[in-house]
């Protein structure tokens, strides 16, 4: 009867938290897109940093 004394009589248990369905967040990291951007910029970087007479 000790457990009944701890909880009390005529008390109602009420939920504190409410679960919600999981949400789908958009992708923030797109490696394919970033790799394409990097590859597209390589020729321009080479030309921009080209020094005549270096070779």
N, C-alpha and C. Protein backbone atom coordinates (compact mmCIF):
# COMPACT_ATOMS: atom_id res chain seq x y z
N UNK A 1 0.80 -1.19 0.00
CA UNK A 1 0.00 0.00 0.00
C UNK A 1 0.85 1.27 0.00
N UNK A 2 2.14 1.13 0.10
CA UNK A 2 3.01 2.29 0.09
C UNK A 2 2.96 2.98 -1.27
N UNK A 3 2.83 2.20 -2.35
CA UNK A 3 2.82 2.81 -3.67
C UNK A 3 1.56 3.64 -3.88
N UNK A 4 0.44 3.23 -3.33
CA UNK A 4 -0.79 4.00 -3.46
C UNK A 4 -0.68 5.33 -2.72
N UNK A 5 0.00 5.33 -1.63
CA UNK A 5 0.17 6.55 -0.85
C UNK A 5 1.04 7.56 -1.61
N UNK A 6 2.01 7.07 -2.40
CA UNK A 6 2.88 7.96 -3.16
C UNK A 6 2.14 8.64 -4.30
N UNK A 7 1.25 7.90 -4.97
CA UNK A 7 0.57 8.47 -6.12
C UNK A 7 -0.66 9.26 -5.73
N UNK A 8 -1.26 8.97 -4.64
CA UNK A 8 -2.45 9.68 -4.22
C UNK A 8 -3.70 9.05 -4.81
N UNK A 9 -4.84 9.46 -4.31
CA UNK A 9 -6.10 8.91 -4.80
C UNK A 9 -6.80 9.92 -5.69
N UNK A 10 -7.57 9.40 -6.63
CA UNK A 10 -8.37 10.21 -7.54
C UNK A 10 -7.54 11.22 -8.34
N UNK A 11 -6.34 10.83 -8.69
CA UNK A 11 -5.51 11.70 -9.53
C UNK A 11 -5.49 11.16 -10.95
N UNK A 12 -5.42 12.04 -11.89
CA UNK A 12 -5.44 11.67 -13.30
C UNK A 12 -4.05 11.90 -13.87
N UNK A 13 -3.57 10.94 -14.65
CA UNK A 13 -2.30 11.08 -15.34
C UNK A 13 -2.54 11.81 -16.65
N UNK A 14 -1.85 12.89 -16.86
CA UNK A 14 -2.02 13.68 -18.09
C UNK A 14 -0.71 13.67 -18.88
N UNK A 15 -0.80 13.52 -20.20
CA UNK A 15 0.44 13.54 -21.01
C UNK A 15 1.06 14.94 -21.00
N UNK A 16 2.36 14.98 -20.99
CA UNK A 16 3.07 16.26 -20.99
C UNK A 16 3.54 16.60 -22.40
N UNK A 17 3.95 15.58 -23.16
CA UNK A 17 4.48 15.81 -24.50
C UNK A 17 3.53 15.23 -25.52
N UNK A 18 3.47 15.87 -26.67
CA UNK A 18 2.65 15.40 -27.77
C UNK A 18 3.58 15.10 -28.94
N UNK A 19 3.50 13.91 -29.49
CA UNK A 19 4.36 13.53 -30.61
C UNK A 19 3.75 14.03 -31.92
N UNK A 20 4.61 14.51 -32.79
CA UNK A 20 4.15 14.98 -34.10
C UNK A 20 4.85 14.15 -35.18
N UNK A 21 4.25 14.06 -36.36
CA UNK A 21 4.89 13.31 -37.42
C UNK A 21 6.25 13.91 -37.80
N UNK A 22 7.13 13.07 -38.25
CA UNK A 22 8.46 13.52 -38.64
C UNK A 22 8.37 14.37 -39.90
N UNK A 23 9.16 15.42 -39.97
CA UNK A 23 9.14 16.30 -41.14
C UNK A 23 10.35 16.01 -42.02
N UNK A 24 10.22 16.33 -43.29
CA UNK A 24 11.30 16.14 -44.25
C UNK A 24 11.94 17.50 -44.54
N UNK A 25 13.21 17.64 -44.18
CA UNK A 25 13.92 18.89 -44.42
C UNK A 25 14.61 18.82 -45.78
N UNK A 26 14.70 19.95 -46.48
CA UNK A 26 15.38 19.94 -47.77
C UNK A 26 16.88 19.68 -47.58
N UNK A 27 17.48 19.10 -48.60
CA UNK A 27 18.92 18.82 -48.53
C UNK A 27 19.69 20.13 -48.52
N UNK A 28 20.60 20.25 -47.60
CA UNK A 28 21.45 21.44 -47.54
C UNK A 28 22.79 21.20 -48.24
N UNK A 29 23.20 19.97 -48.31
CA UNK A 29 24.49 19.63 -48.89
C UNK A 29 24.24 18.78 -50.13
N UNK A 30 24.57 19.32 -51.30
CA UNK A 30 24.40 18.60 -52.55
C UNK A 30 25.78 18.48 -53.20
N UNK A 31 26.42 17.34 -52.97
CA UNK A 31 27.80 17.17 -53.45
C UNK A 31 27.90 17.14 -54.96
N UNK A 32 26.90 16.58 -55.64
CA UNK A 32 26.93 16.55 -57.10
C UNK A 32 26.93 17.96 -57.68
N UNK A 33 26.06 18.81 -57.14
CA UNK A 33 25.98 20.20 -57.62
C UNK A 33 27.29 20.93 -57.34
N UNK A 34 27.84 20.77 -56.14
CA UNK A 34 29.08 21.46 -55.78
C UNK A 34 30.25 20.97 -56.60
N UNK A 35 30.30 19.67 -56.88
CA UNK A 35 31.38 19.12 -57.70
C UNK A 35 31.31 19.67 -59.12
N UNK A 36 30.11 19.78 -59.67
CA UNK A 36 29.95 20.34 -61.02
C UNK A 36 30.41 21.79 -61.05
N UNK A 37 30.07 22.56 -60.04
CA UNK A 37 30.51 23.96 -59.99
C UNK A 37 32.03 24.05 -59.94
N UNK A 38 32.64 23.18 -59.15
CA UNK A 38 34.10 23.21 -59.03
C UNK A 38 34.75 22.84 -60.35
N UNK A 39 34.23 21.81 -61.02
CA UNK A 39 34.80 21.40 -62.30
C UNK A 39 34.62 22.47 -63.37
N UNK A 40 33.49 23.14 -63.35
CA UNK A 40 33.24 24.19 -64.34
C UNK A 40 34.16 25.39 -64.14
N UNK A 41 34.63 25.60 -62.92
CA UNK A 41 35.47 26.78 -62.67
C UNK A 41 36.96 26.52 -62.90
N UNK A 42 37.37 25.27 -63.06
CA UNK A 42 38.80 24.95 -63.18
C UNK A 42 39.44 25.60 -64.40
N UNK A 43 38.88 25.50 -65.61
CA UNK A 43 39.55 26.14 -66.76
C UNK A 43 39.72 27.65 -66.58
N UNK A 44 38.74 28.32 -66.03
CA UNK A 44 38.86 29.76 -65.80
C UNK A 44 39.94 30.09 -64.80
N UNK A 45 40.09 29.26 -63.77
CA UNK A 45 41.14 29.49 -62.78
C UNK A 45 42.52 29.30 -63.39
N UNK A 46 42.65 28.32 -64.27
CA UNK A 46 43.95 28.09 -64.93
C UNK A 46 44.32 29.29 -65.78
N UNK A 47 43.37 29.77 -66.58
CA UNK A 47 43.64 30.91 -67.45
C UNK A 47 43.93 32.15 -66.62
N UNK A 48 43.18 32.35 -65.54
CA UNK A 48 43.36 33.55 -64.72
C UNK A 48 44.73 33.56 -64.04
N UNK A 49 45.28 32.40 -63.75
CA UNK A 49 46.55 32.33 -63.04
C UNK A 49 47.73 31.99 -63.95
N UNK A 50 47.48 31.99 -65.23
CA UNK A 50 48.53 31.65 -66.20
C UNK A 50 49.56 32.78 -66.25
N UNK A 51 50.82 32.43 -66.18
CA UNK A 51 51.90 33.42 -66.27
C UNK A 51 52.72 33.10 -67.51
N UNK A 52 52.78 34.04 -68.43
CA UNK A 52 53.57 33.82 -69.66
C UNK A 52 55.05 33.72 -69.32
N UNK A 53 55.73 32.82 -70.01
CA UNK A 53 57.15 32.67 -69.84
C UNK A 53 57.54 31.82 -68.65
N UNK A 54 56.59 31.27 -67.96
CA UNK A 54 56.92 30.43 -66.80
C UNK A 54 57.44 29.07 -67.26
N UNK A 55 56.96 28.63 -68.39
CA UNK A 55 57.36 27.29 -68.86
C UNK A 55 58.50 27.43 -69.79
